[in-house]
Amino acid sequence: MTLAQLQDEYARCQRCPTLCTSRSQVVFGSGNPHADVLFVGEAPGAEEDKQGIPFCGSSGKVLQELLASIGLHRDDIFITNTILCRPENNRNPAKEEVNNCRDRLDRTILYINPKVIVTIGNFATERILGRKGITTLRGKVFPQIIHGVERKIIPVIHPANYLYNGRSPVLWEQMKKDFQVIRGIIDEQKKEGKNPSMHN
């Protein structure tokens, strides 16, 4: 199976009845299907649900600025979420909903085969690492074997936190520093001759 076939399989997913009533569509993901860096967020928001593209709203603009700060563009990476459907009133995903989307995310990782997985915020970090506490985990590199391959997991603060905190300059510098860690891992892999499928 390919990533496109997986997307088609989940386009009409009915595993979470509550989410089926709150979503307009399934927001599968976007970007380079062969990217070496996979970003995993929490869940689609109102704008993402409307357009069918993850991180296309205000948080997405912040993410694009952070990517640009390390010489990357959305086309260089792939972005998806822990769950694919917008929860009503943007509530937190329920444990059952995360579990219902578990196989899909596992298979997304299998088909894209990224060397680096960036977990955005608490829910994605807990889903991939099995650990809570984004403020203490952020910007650190956690090697983890997934599908028999060692991948570097890097948790980062969710862009929404930056917006909720009034675009705090201190928080912005922390987030930029964390993205420099991502850049460092990419550069390190280039030196090792792993030929990342991205610019720079």
N, C-alpha and C. Protein backbone atom coordinates (compact mmCIF):
# COMPACT_ATOMS: atom_id res chain seq x y z
N MET A 1 0.84 -1.21 0.00
CA MET A 1 0.00 0.00 0.00
C MET A 1 0.87 1.25 0.00
N THR A 2 0.37 2.32 -0.60
CA THR A 2 1.08 3.59 -0.64
C THR A 2 0.43 4.59 0.31
N LEU A 3 1.10 5.72 0.51
CA LEU A 3 0.54 6.77 1.36
C LEU A 3 -0.77 7.29 0.77
N ALA A 4 -0.83 7.41 -0.56
CA ALA A 4 -2.05 7.88 -1.22
C ALA A 4 -3.20 6.92 -0.99
N GLN A 5 -2.92 5.63 -1.00
CA GLN A 5 -3.96 4.63 -0.75
C GLN A 5 -4.43 4.67 0.70
N LEU A 6 -3.48 4.93 1.60
CA LEU A 6 -3.83 5.07 3.02
C LEU A 6 -4.74 6.28 3.21
N GLN A 7 -4.42 7.38 2.54
CA GLN A 7 -5.26 8.57 2.62
C GLN A 7 -6.67 8.28 2.12
N ASP A 8 -6.76 7.55 1.02
CA ASP A 8 -8.07 7.21 0.47
C ASP A 8 -8.86 6.32 1.42
N GLU A 9 -8.15 5.40 2.08
CA GLU A 9 -8.80 4.50 3.04
C GLU A 9 -9.43 5.27 4.19
N TYR A 10 -8.75 6.32 4.64
CA TYR A 10 -9.22 7.07 5.81
C TYR A 10 -10.12 8.25 5.44
N ALA A 11 -10.31 8.50 4.17
CA ALA A 11 -11.12 9.66 3.76
C ALA A 11 -12.57 9.54 4.22
N ARG A 12 -13.01 8.32 4.42
CA ARG A 12 -14.40 8.09 4.85
C ARG A 12 -14.45 7.37 6.19
N CYS A 13 -13.42 7.57 7.00
CA CYS A 13 -13.31 6.86 8.28
C CYS A 13 -14.52 7.13 9.18
N GLN A 14 -15.02 6.06 9.80
CA GLN A 14 -16.18 6.16 10.69
C GLN A 14 -15.86 5.63 12.10
N ARG A 15 -14.58 5.55 12.44
CA ARG A 15 -14.19 4.93 13.70
C ARG A 15 -14.62 5.72 14.93
N CYS A 16 -14.74 7.05 14.79
CA CYS A 16 -15.10 7.90 15.93
C CYS A 16 -16.42 8.62 15.62
N PRO A 17 -17.54 8.08 16.07
CA PRO A 17 -18.85 8.67 15.74
C PRO A 17 -18.97 10.15 16.10
N THR A 18 -18.42 10.55 17.25
CA THR A 18 -18.52 11.95 17.66
C THR A 18 -17.76 12.86 16.69
N LEU A 19 -16.57 12.43 16.27
CA LEU A 19 -15.78 13.23 15.34
C LEU A 19 -16.43 13.28 13.96
N CYS A 20 -17.14 12.23 13.60
CA CYS A 20 -17.82 12.22 12.31
C CYS A 20 -18.88 13.32 12.22
N THR A 21 -19.45 13.68 13.37
CA THR A 21 -20.47 14.72 13.38
C THR A 21 -19.87 16.12 13.49
N SER A 22 -18.64 16.22 14.01
CA SER A 22 -18.03 17.55 14.21
C SER A 22 -17.12 17.98 13.07
N ARG A 23 -16.71 17.05 12.22
CA ARG A 23 -15.79 17.37 11.13
C ARG A 23 -16.54 17.74 9.86
N SER A 24 -15.87 18.52 9.01
CA SER A 24 -16.37 18.73 7.65
C SER A 24 -15.73 17.72 6.71
N GLN A 25 -14.49 17.37 7.03
CA GLN A 25 -13.75 16.41 6.22
C GLN A 25 -12.60 15.84 7.04
N VAL A 26 -12.00 14.77 6.56
CA VAL A 26 -10.81 14.20 7.17
C VAL A 26 -9.60 14.96 6.65
N VAL A 27 -8.76 15.44 7.57
CA VAL A 27 -7.57 16.22 7.19
C VAL A 27 -6.36 15.28 7.33
N PHE A 28 -6.00 14.64 6.24
CA PHE A 28 -5.01 13.56 6.30
C PHE A 28 -3.58 14.06 6.53
N GLY A 29 -3.17 15.06 5.78
CA GLY A 29 -1.80 15.55 5.87
C GLY A 29 -1.39 16.18 4.57
N SER A 30 -0.24 16.84 4.55
CA SER A 30 0.22 17.48 3.32
C SER A 30 1.74 17.62 3.34
N GLY A 31 2.30 17.77 2.15
CA GLY A 31 3.73 17.95 2.02
C GLY A 31 4.38 16.89 1.16
N ASN A 32 5.66 16.68 1.40
CA ASN A 32 6.47 15.75 0.63
C ASN A 32 6.29 14.32 1.16
N PRO A 33 5.71 13.42 0.37
CA PRO A 33 5.47 12.05 0.86
C PRO A 33 6.74 11.24 1.03
N HIS A 34 7.88 11.80 0.60
CA HIS A 34 9.16 11.12 0.76
C HIS A 34 10.09 11.91 1.68
N ALA A 35 9.52 12.78 2.49
CA ALA A 35 10.32 13.67 3.34
C ALA A 35 11.08 12.90 4.41
N ASP A 36 12.23 13.42 4.77
CA ASP A 36 13.00 12.84 5.87
C ASP A 36 12.57 13.39 7.22
N VAL A 37 11.73 14.44 7.19
CA VAL A 37 11.24 15.04 8.44
C VAL A 37 9.71 15.03 8.42
N LEU A 38 9.13 14.37 9.42
CA LEU A 38 7.68 14.31 9.58
C LEU A 38 7.29 15.11 10.81
N PHE A 39 6.35 16.05 10.64
CA PHE A 39 5.81 16.83 11.76
C PHE A 39 4.46 16.24 12.13
N VAL A 40 4.24 16.02 13.43
CA VAL A 40 2.97 15.48 13.91
C VAL A 40 2.38 16.44 14.92
N GLY A 41 1.20 16.99 14.60
CA GLY A 41 0.51 17.90 15.50
C GLY A 41 -0.56 17.18 16.31
N GLU A 42 -1.54 17.95 16.77
CA GLU A 42 -2.57 17.40 17.65
C GLU A 42 -3.81 16.99 16.88
N ALA A 43 -4.55 17.98 16.37
CA ALA A 43 -5.80 17.73 15.66
C ALA A 43 -6.10 18.94 14.78
N PRO A 44 -6.90 18.77 13.74
CA PRO A 44 -7.26 19.92 12.91
C PRO A 44 -8.10 20.94 13.69
N GLY A 45 -7.89 22.22 13.39
CA GLY A 45 -8.73 23.28 13.92
C GLY A 45 -9.79 23.66 12.90
N ALA A 46 -10.45 24.77 13.14
CA ALA A 46 -11.56 25.18 12.27
C ALA A 46 -11.10 25.44 10.83
N GLU A 47 -9.99 26.16 10.68
CA GLU A 47 -9.51 26.49 9.33
C GLU A 47 -8.99 25.25 8.61
N GLU A 48 -8.34 24.37 9.36
CA GLU A 48 -7.82 23.13 8.77
C GLU A 48 -8.98 22.24 8.32
N ASP A 49 -10.03 22.20 9.13
CA ASP A 49 -11.21 21.41 8.80
C ASP A 49 -11.88 21.96 7.54
N LYS A 50 -11.83 23.27 7.40
CA LYS A 50 -12.46 23.92 6.24
C LYS A 50 -11.67 23.67 4.96
N GLN A 51 -10.34 23.79 5.05
CA GLN A 51 -9.50 23.70 3.85
C GLN A 51 -8.94 22.30 3.58
N GLY A 52 -8.96 21.45 4.60
CA GLY A 52 -8.45 20.10 4.41
C GLY A 52 -6.93 20.01 4.44
N ILE A 53 -6.28 21.03 5.03
CA ILE A 53 -4.82 21.10 5.09
C ILE A 53 -4.40 21.34 6.53
N PRO A 54 -3.51 20.52 7.09
CA PRO A 54 -3.08 20.75 8.47
C PRO A 54 -2.23 22.01 8.60
N PHE A 55 -2.38 22.69 9.70
CA PHE A 55 -1.59 23.89 10.02
C PHE A 55 -1.67 24.93 8.89
N CYS A 56 -2.89 25.27 8.51
CA CYS A 56 -3.08 26.31 7.48
C CYS A 56 -3.66 27.58 8.09
N GLY A 57 -3.94 27.58 9.40
CA GLY A 57 -4.46 28.76 10.07
C GLY A 57 -3.37 29.58 10.71
N SER A 58 -3.69 30.24 11.81
CA SER A 58 -2.74 31.11 12.49
C SER A 58 -1.52 30.35 12.99
N SER A 59 -1.74 29.16 13.56
CA SER A 59 -0.61 28.34 14.01
C SER A 59 0.27 27.93 12.84
N GLY A 60 -0.35 27.70 11.71
CA GLY A 60 0.40 27.33 10.51
C GLY A 60 1.34 28.43 10.04
N LYS A 61 0.88 29.67 10.17
CA LYS A 61 1.74 30.80 9.79
C LYS A 61 2.97 30.88 10.69
N VAL A 62 2.77 30.62 11.97
CA VAL A 62 3.89 30.60 12.91
C VAL A 62 4.83 29.45 12.55
N LEU A 63 4.27 28.30 12.24
CA LEU A 63 5.09 27.15 11.86
C LEU A 63 5.92 27.45 10.62
N GLN A 64 5.32 28.12 9.65
CA GLN A 64 6.06 28.46 8.43
C GLN A 64 7.22 29.41 8.72
N GLU A 65 7.02 30.34 9.64
CA GLU A 65 8.11 31.23 10.03
C GLU A 65 9.25 30.45 10.69
N LEU A 66 8.89 29.50 11.53
CA LEU A 66 9.89 28.69 12.20
C LEU A 66 10.65 27.82 11.20
N LEU A 67 9.93 27.25 10.26
CA LEU A 67 10.59 26.47 9.22
C LEU A 67 11.54 27.34 8.40
N ALA A 68 11.08 28.53 8.04
CA ALA A 68 11.92 29.44 7.26
C ALA A 68 13.19 29.83 8.02
N SER A 69 13.09 29.88 9.34
CA SER A 69 14.25 30.26 10.16
C SER A 69 15.38 29.23 10.08
N ILE A 70 15.05 28.01 9.64
CA ILE A 70 16.09 26.99 9.47
C ILE A 70 16.21 26.56 8.01
N GLY A 71 15.70 27.40 7.12
CA GLY A 71 15.87 27.15 5.69
C GLY A 71 15.00 26.08 5.10
N LEU A 72 13.84 25.85 5.70
CA LEU A 72 12.92 24.83 5.19
C LEU A 72 11.59 25.44 4.79
N HIS A 73 10.88 24.71 3.95
CA HIS A 73 9.55 25.10 3.48
C HIS A 73 8.63 23.91 3.71
N ARG A 74 7.34 24.17 3.72
CA ARG A 74 6.37 23.08 3.92
C ARG A 74 6.53 21.97 2.90
N ASP A 75 6.97 22.31 1.69
CA ASP A 75 7.15 21.30 0.65
C ASP A 75 8.31 20.35 0.95
N ASP A 76 9.17 20.73 1.89
CA ASP A 76 10.32 19.89 2.25
C ASP A 76 9.96 18.81 3.26
N ILE A 77 8.83 18.98 3.93
CA ILE A 77 8.46 18.10 5.04
C ILE A 77 7.08 17.52 4.78
N PHE A 78 6.64 16.61 5.65
CA PHE A 78 5.25 16.17 5.63
C PHE A 78 4.65 16.50 6.99
N ILE A 79 3.41 16.98 6.99
CA ILE A 79 2.73 17.35 8.23
C ILE A 79 1.43 16.57 8.35
N THR A 80 1.22 15.97 9.51
CA THR A 80 -0.05 15.31 9.80
C THR A 80 -0.39 15.59 11.27
N ASN A 81 -1.44 14.97 11.76
CA ASN A 81 -1.84 15.16 13.16
C ASN A 81 -2.05 13.83 13.86
N THR A 82 -2.12 13.89 15.18
CA THR A 82 -2.37 12.70 15.99
C THR A 82 -3.73 12.10 15.66
N ILE A 83 -4.74 12.96 15.47
CA ILE A 83 -6.02 12.52 14.94
C ILE A 83 -6.34 13.38 13.72
N LEU A 84 -7.17 12.85 12.83
CA LEU A 84 -7.38 13.49 11.53
C LEU A 84 -8.65 14.32 11.43
N CYS A 85 -9.46 14.32 12.49
CA CYS A 85 -10.75 15.01 12.43
C CYS A 85 -10.86 16.06 13.52
N ARG A 86 -11.50 17.17 13.20
CA ARG A 86 -11.62 18.26 14.17
C ARG A 86 -12.60 17.91 15.29
N PRO A 87 -12.13 17.97 16.55
CA PRO A 87 -13.05 17.77 17.68
C PRO A 87 -13.96 19.01 17.84
N GLU A 88 -15.16 18.78 18.31
CA GLU A 88 -16.11 19.87 18.51
C GLU A 88 -15.54 20.93 19.45
N ASN A 89 -15.68 22.19 19.04
CA ASN A 89 -15.19 23.34 19.83
C ASN A 89 -13.69 23.25 20.15
N ASN A 90 -12.96 22.54 19.28
CA ASN A 90 -11.50 22.41 19.44
C ASN A 90 -11.09 21.82 20.79
N ARG A 91 -11.93 20.95 21.33
CA ARG A 91 -11.57 20.29 22.60
C ARG A 91 -10.36 19.38 22.37
N ASN A 92 -9.77 18.92 23.48
CA ASN A 92 -8.65 17.99 23.39
C ASN A 92 -9.13 16.64 22.84
N PRO A 93 -8.30 15.95 22.09
CA PRO A 93 -8.68 14.62 21.61
C PRO A 93 -8.89 13.66 22.79
N ALA A 94 -9.89 12.81 22.68
CA ALA A 94 -10.13 11.79 23.70
C ALA A 94 -9.15 10.63 23.49
N LYS A 95 -8.86 9.92 24.56
CA LYS A 95 -7.92 8.80 24.48
C LYS A 95 -8.37 7.78 23.44
N GLU A 96 -9.66 7.51 23.42
CA GLU A 96 -10.19 6.54 22.45
C GLU A 96 -9.98 7.02 21.02
N GLU A 97 -10.12 8.32 20.79
CA GLU A 97 -9.92 8.87 19.45
C GLU A 97 -8.46 8.75 19.02
N VAL A 98 -7.54 9.02 19.97
CA VAL A 98 -6.12 8.85 19.66
C VAL A 98 -5.83 7.39 19.32
N ASN A 99 -6.40 6.48 20.08
CA ASN A 99 -6.19 5.05 19.84
C ASN A 99 -6.79 4.61 18.51
N ASN A 100 -7.94 5.17 18.15
CA ASN A 100 -8.57 4.82 16.88
C ASN A 100 -7.74 5.26 15.69
N CYS A 101 -6.92 6.29 15.89
CA CYS A 101 -6.08 6.81 14.80
C CYS A 101 -4.64 6.29 14.91
N ARG A 102 -4.40 5.39 15.84
CA ARG A 102 -3.04 4.90 16.10
C ARG A 102 -2.47 4.15 14.90
N ASP A 103 -3.24 3.21 14.37
CA ASP A 103 -2.75 2.40 13.24
C ASP A 103 -2.46 3.29 12.03
N ARG A 104 -3.31 4.27 11.81
CA ARG A 104 -3.11 5.19 10.67
C ARG A 104 -1.80 5.95 10.80
N LEU A 105 -1.49 6.47 12.00
CA LEU A 105 -0.25 7.21 12.18
C LEU A 105 0.95 6.28 12.07
N ASP A 106 0.84 5.08 12.62
CA ASP A 106 1.92 4.11 12.50
C ASP A 106 2.22 3.80 11.04
N ARG A 107 1.17 3.63 10.26
CA ARG A 107 1.36 3.31 8.84
C ARG A 107 1.86 4.53 8.06
N THR A 108 1.47 5.71 8.48
CA THR A 108 1.99 6.93 7.85
C THR A 108 3.51 6.99 8.03
N ILE A 109 3.97 6.71 9.24
CA ILE A 109 5.41 6.69 9.51
C ILE A 109 6.08 5.61 8.66
N LEU A 110 5.45 4.44 8.55
CA LEU A 110 6.02 3.35 7.78
C LEU A 110 6.19 3.74 6.31
N TYR A 111 5.17 4.35 5.72
CA TYR A 111 5.21 4.65 4.28
C TYR A 111 6.11 5.84 3.96
N ILE A 112 6.12 6.86 4.82
CA ILE A 112 6.99 8.02 4.58
C ILE A 112 8.43 7.67 4.95
N ASN A 113 8.60 6.89 6.00
CA ASN A 113 9.92 6.45 6.46
C ASN A 113 10.84 7.63 6.80
N PRO A 114 10.39 8.54 7.66
CA PRO A 114 11.21 9.71 8.00
C PRO A 114 12.36 9.35 8.94
N LYS A 115 13.43 10.11 8.84
CA LYS A 115 14.56 9.94 9.77
C LYS A 115 14.34 10.75 11.04
N VAL A 116 13.54 11.81 10.92
CA VAL A 116 13.27 12.71 12.04
C VAL A 116 11.76 12.88 12.18
N ILE A 117 11.24 12.77 13.41
CA ILE A 117 9.83 13.03 13.68
C ILE A 117 9.76 14.15 14.70
N VAL A 118 9.13 15.26 14.31
CA VAL A 118 8.96 16.41 15.20
C VAL A 118 7.55 16.36 15.77
N THR A 119 7.45 16.19 17.08
CA THR A 119 6.14 16.12 17.72
C THR A 119 5.78 17.51 18.26
N ILE A 120 4.64 18.03 17.80
CA ILE A 120 4.24 19.39 18.12
C ILE A 120 3.25 19.37 19.27
N GLY A 121 3.69 19.79 20.46
CA GLY A 121 2.81 19.86 21.61
C GLY A 121 2.71 18.55 22.38
N ASN A 122 1.88 18.58 23.43
CA ASN A 122 1.79 17.46 24.37
C ASN A 122 1.20 16.19 23.79
N PHE A 123 0.10 16.31 23.03
CA PHE A 123 -0.59 15.11 22.58
C PHE A 123 0.26 14.29 21.61
N ALA A 124 0.88 14.97 20.65
CA ALA A 124 1.72 14.26 19.69
C ALA A 124 2.95 13.66 20.38
N THR A 125 3.50 14.41 21.33
CA THR A 125 4.69 13.92 22.05
C THR A 125 4.36 12.68 22.87
N GLU A 126 3.24 12.72 23.57
CA GLU A 126 2.85 11.55 24.36
C GLU A 126 2.53 10.37 23.45
N ARG A 127 1.91 10.64 22.31
CA ARG A 127 1.56 9.56 21.37
C ARG A 127 2.81 8.86 20.82
N ILE A 128 3.84 9.62 20.49
CA ILE A 128 5.04 9.04 19.88
C ILE A 128 6.04 8.56 20.93
N LEU A 129 6.28 9.38 21.93
CA LEU A 129 7.29 9.04 22.94
C LEU A 129 6.74 8.28 24.15
N GLY A 130 5.41 8.42 24.37
CA GLY A 130 4.83 7.82 25.56
C GLY A 130 5.19 8.58 26.82
N ARG A 131 5.53 9.86 26.67
CA ARG A 131 5.93 10.69 27.80
C ARG A 131 5.20 12.02 27.75
N LYS A 132 4.90 12.57 28.92
CA LYS A 132 4.23 13.85 29.03
C LYS A 132 5.22 14.93 29.46
N GLY A 133 4.82 16.19 29.28
CA GLY A 133 5.62 17.31 29.77
C GLY A 133 6.42 18.00 28.69
N ILE A 134 5.73 18.66 27.77
CA ILE A 134 6.41 19.29 26.63
C ILE A 134 7.42 20.35 27.07
N THR A 135 7.17 21.02 28.19
CA THR A 135 8.08 22.09 28.62
C THR A 135 9.44 21.55 29.03
N THR A 136 9.48 20.30 29.49
CA THR A 136 10.77 19.71 29.86
C THR A 136 11.37 18.88 28.74
N LEU A 137 10.54 18.41 27.82
CA LEU A 137 11.02 17.56 26.72
C LEU A 137 11.41 18.36 25.48
N ARG A 138 10.90 19.58 25.36
CA ARG A 138 11.08 20.38 24.14
C ARG A 138 12.55 20.59 23.79
N GLY A 139 12.83 20.50 22.49
CA GLY A 139 14.16 20.79 22.01
C GLY A 139 15.20 19.72 22.26
N LYS A 140 14.77 18.58 22.82
CA LYS A 140 15.70 17.48 23.08
C LYS A 140 15.51 16.40 22.01
N VAL A 141 16.56 15.63 21.79
CA VAL A 141 16.53 14.59 20.77
C VAL A 141 16.42 13.22 21.44
N PHE A 142 15.41 12.45 21.03
CA PHE A 142 15.18 11.13 21.60
C PHE A 142 15.25 10.08 20.49
N PRO A 143 16.35 9.33 20.40
CA PRO A 143 16.42 8.25 19.41
C PRO A 143 15.41 7.16 19.79
N GLN A 144 14.65 6.69 18.81
CA GLN A 144 13.65 5.67 19.09
C GLN A 144 13.52 4.74 17.89
N ILE A 145 13.43 3.45 18.16
CA ILE A 145 13.25 2.48 17.08
C ILE A 145 11.76 2.38 16.76
N ILE A 146 11.41 2.72 15.52
CA ILE A 146 10.02 2.61 15.04
C ILE A 146 10.06 1.87 13.71
N HIS A 147 9.32 0.78 13.61
CA HIS A 147 9.33 -0.07 12.42
C HIS A 147 10.74 -0.56 12.11
N GLY A 148 11.50 -0.87 13.16
CA GLY A 148 12.82 -1.44 12.97
C GLY A 148 13.91 -0.46 12.57
N VAL A 149 13.59 0.82 12.56
CA VAL A 149 14.55 1.85 12.14
C VAL A 149 14.68 2.89 13.25
N GLU A 150 15.92 3.29 13.54
CA GLU A 150 16.11 4.35 14.54
C GLU A 150 15.74 5.70 13.93
N ARG A 151 14.87 6.40 14.62
CA ARG A 151 14.45 7.73 14.18
C ARG A 151 14.68 8.70 15.32
N LYS A 152 14.99 9.94 14.97
CA LYS A 152 15.21 10.97 15.98
C LYS A 152 13.89 11.68 16.24
N ILE A 153 13.41 11.63 17.49
CA ILE A 153 12.17 12.29 17.87
C ILE A 153 12.53 13.60 18.57
N ILE A 154 11.96 14.71 18.08
CA ILE A 154 12.25 16.03 18.66
C ILE A 154 10.93 16.72 19.01
N PRO A 155 10.57 16.79 20.29
CA PRO A 155 9.36 17.50 20.70
C PRO A 155 9.57 19.03 20.63
N VAL A 156 8.55 19.74 20.19
CA VAL A 156 8.60 21.20 20.18
C VAL A 156 7.29 21.76 20.72
N ILE A 157 7.33 22.99 21.17
CA ILE A 157 6.14 23.67 21.69
C ILE A 157 5.17 23.95 20.54
N HIS A 158 3.90 23.79 20.80
CA HIS A 158 2.88 24.04 19.77
C HIS A 158 2.81 25.54 19.47
N PRO A 159 2.77 25.92 18.19
CA PRO A 159 2.64 27.33 17.84
C PRO A 159 1.46 28.03 18.49
N ALA A 160 0.38 27.28 18.77
CA ALA A 160 -0.78 27.87 19.42
C ALA A 160 -0.42 28.42 20.80
N ASN A 161 0.52 27.78 21.49
CA ASN A 161 0.96 28.28 22.80
C ASN A 161 1.58 29.67 22.67
N TYR A 162 2.32 29.86 21.61
CA TYR A 162 2.93 31.17 21.35
C TYR A 162 1.85 32.22 21.12
N LEU A 163 0.82 31.87 20.38
CA LEU A 163 -0.27 32.81 20.12
C LEU A 163 -1.07 33.08 21.39
N TYR A 164 -1.32 32.03 22.18
CA TYR A 164 -2.07 32.19 23.43
C TYR A 164 -1.32 33.06 24.42
N ASN A 165 0.00 33.05 24.34
CA ASN A 165 0.82 33.82 25.26
C ASN A 165 1.18 35.20 24.69
N GLY A 166 0.34 35.70 23.79
CA GLY A 166 0.52 37.06 23.28
C GLY A 166 1.78 37.26 22.48
N ARG A 167 2.21 36.20 21.77
CA ARG A 167 3.42 36.26 20.95
C ARG A 167 4.63 36.69 21.79
N SER A 168 4.80 36.02 22.89
CA SER A 168 5.90 36.30 23.81
C SER A 168 7.26 36.21 23.12
N PRO A 169 8.06 37.28 23.14
CA PRO A 169 9.40 37.24 22.54
C PRO A 169 10.29 36.17 23.15
N VAL A 170 10.14 35.96 24.45
CA VAL A 170 10.96 34.94 25.13
C VAL A 170 10.60 33.54 24.61
N LEU A 171 9.30 33.26 24.50
CA LEU A 171 8.85 31.97 24.00
C LEU A 171 9.26 31.78 22.54
N TRP A 172 9.19 32.86 21.77
CA TRP A 172 9.59 32.80 20.36
C TRP A 172 11.05 32.39 20.21
N GLU A 173 11.91 32.95 21.03
CA GLU A 173 13.33 32.61 20.98
C GLU A 173 13.56 31.16 21.38
N GLN A 174 12.77 30.67 22.35
CA GLN A 174 12.87 29.26 22.74
C GLN A 174 12.47 28.35 21.58
N MET A 175 11.40 28.73 20.90
CA MET A 175 10.91 27.92 19.78
C MET A 175 11.91 27.92 18.63
N LYS A 176 12.49 29.06 18.35
CA LYS A 176 13.49 29.14 17.29
C LYS A 176 14.72 28.29 17.64
N LYS A 177 15.08 28.30 18.91
CA LYS A 177 16.21 27.50 19.37
C LYS A 177 15.92 26.01 19.18
N ASP A 178 14.69 25.60 19.48
CA ASP A 178 14.31 24.20 19.30
C ASP A 178 14.38 23.80 17.82
N PHE A 179 13.99 24.71 16.94
CA PHE A 179 14.05 24.41 15.51
C PHE A 179 15.50 24.34 15.02
N GLN A 180 16.39 25.05 15.68
CA GLN A 180 17.81 24.93 15.35
C GLN A 180 18.31 23.51 15.67
N VAL A 181 17.72 22.88 16.66
CA VAL A 181 18.07 21.49 16.97
C VAL A 181 17.68 20.60 15.79
N ILE A 182 16.49 20.86 15.21
CA ILE A 182 16.05 20.10 14.04
C ILE A 182 17.04 20.30 12.89
N ARG A 183 17.43 21.54 12.67
CA ARG A 183 18.40 21.85 11.61
C ARG A 183 19.72 21.12 11.84
N GLY A 184 20.13 21.08 13.10
CA GLY A 184 21.38 20.41 13.44
C GLY A 184 21.35 18.93 13.13
N ILE A 185 20.22 18.28 13.41
CA ILE A 185 20.09 16.85 13.11
C ILE A 185 20.10 16.62 11.60
N ILE A 186 19.42 17.48 10.86
CA ILE A 186 19.41 17.36 9.40
C ILE A 186 20.84 17.48 8.85
N ASP A 187 21.56 18.48 9.33
CA ASP A 187 22.94 18.70 8.86
C ASP A 187 23.84 17.54 9.25
N GLU A 188 23.61 17.00 10.44
CA GLU A 188 24.41 15.86 10.91
C GLU A 188 24.19 14.66 10.01
N GLN A 189 22.95 14.44 9.61
CA GLN A 189 22.64 13.32 8.73
C GLN A 189 23.23 13.50 7.34
N LYS A 190 23.29 14.76 6.90
CA LYS A 190 23.92 15.02 5.60
C LYS A 190 25.39 14.63 5.63
N LYS A 191 26.06 14.98 6.72
CA LYS A 191 27.48 14.66 6.86
C LYS A 191 27.71 13.15 6.88
N GLU A 192 26.71 12.43 7.38
CA GLU A 192 26.82 10.97 7.43
C GLU A 192 26.46 10.33 6.09
N GLY A 193 26.11 11.19 5.10
CA GLY A 193 25.84 10.69 3.76
C GLY A 193 24.50 10.03 3.60
N LYS A 194 23.51 10.48 4.38
CA LYS A 194 22.19 9.86 4.31
C LYS A 194 21.29 10.51 3.27
N ASN A 195 21.80 11.57 2.61
CA ASN A 195 21.08 12.20 1.51
C ASN A 195 19.64 12.55 1.83
N PRO A 196 19.40 13.47 2.77
CA PRO A 196 18.03 13.88 3.09
C PRO A 196 17.32 14.42 1.86
N SER A 197 16.04 14.11 1.71
CA SER A 197 15.28 14.55 0.53
C SER A 197 14.66 15.91 0.79
N MET A 198 15.50 16.93 0.87
CA MET A 198 15.04 18.28 1.10
C MET A 198 16.12 19.27 0.69
N HIS A 199 15.76 20.55 0.61
CA HIS A 199 16.70 21.58 0.24
C HIS A 199 17.71 21.79 1.36
N ASN A 200 18.70 22.65 1.04
CA ASN A 200 19.73 23.05 2.01
C ASN A 200 20.53 21.85 2.51
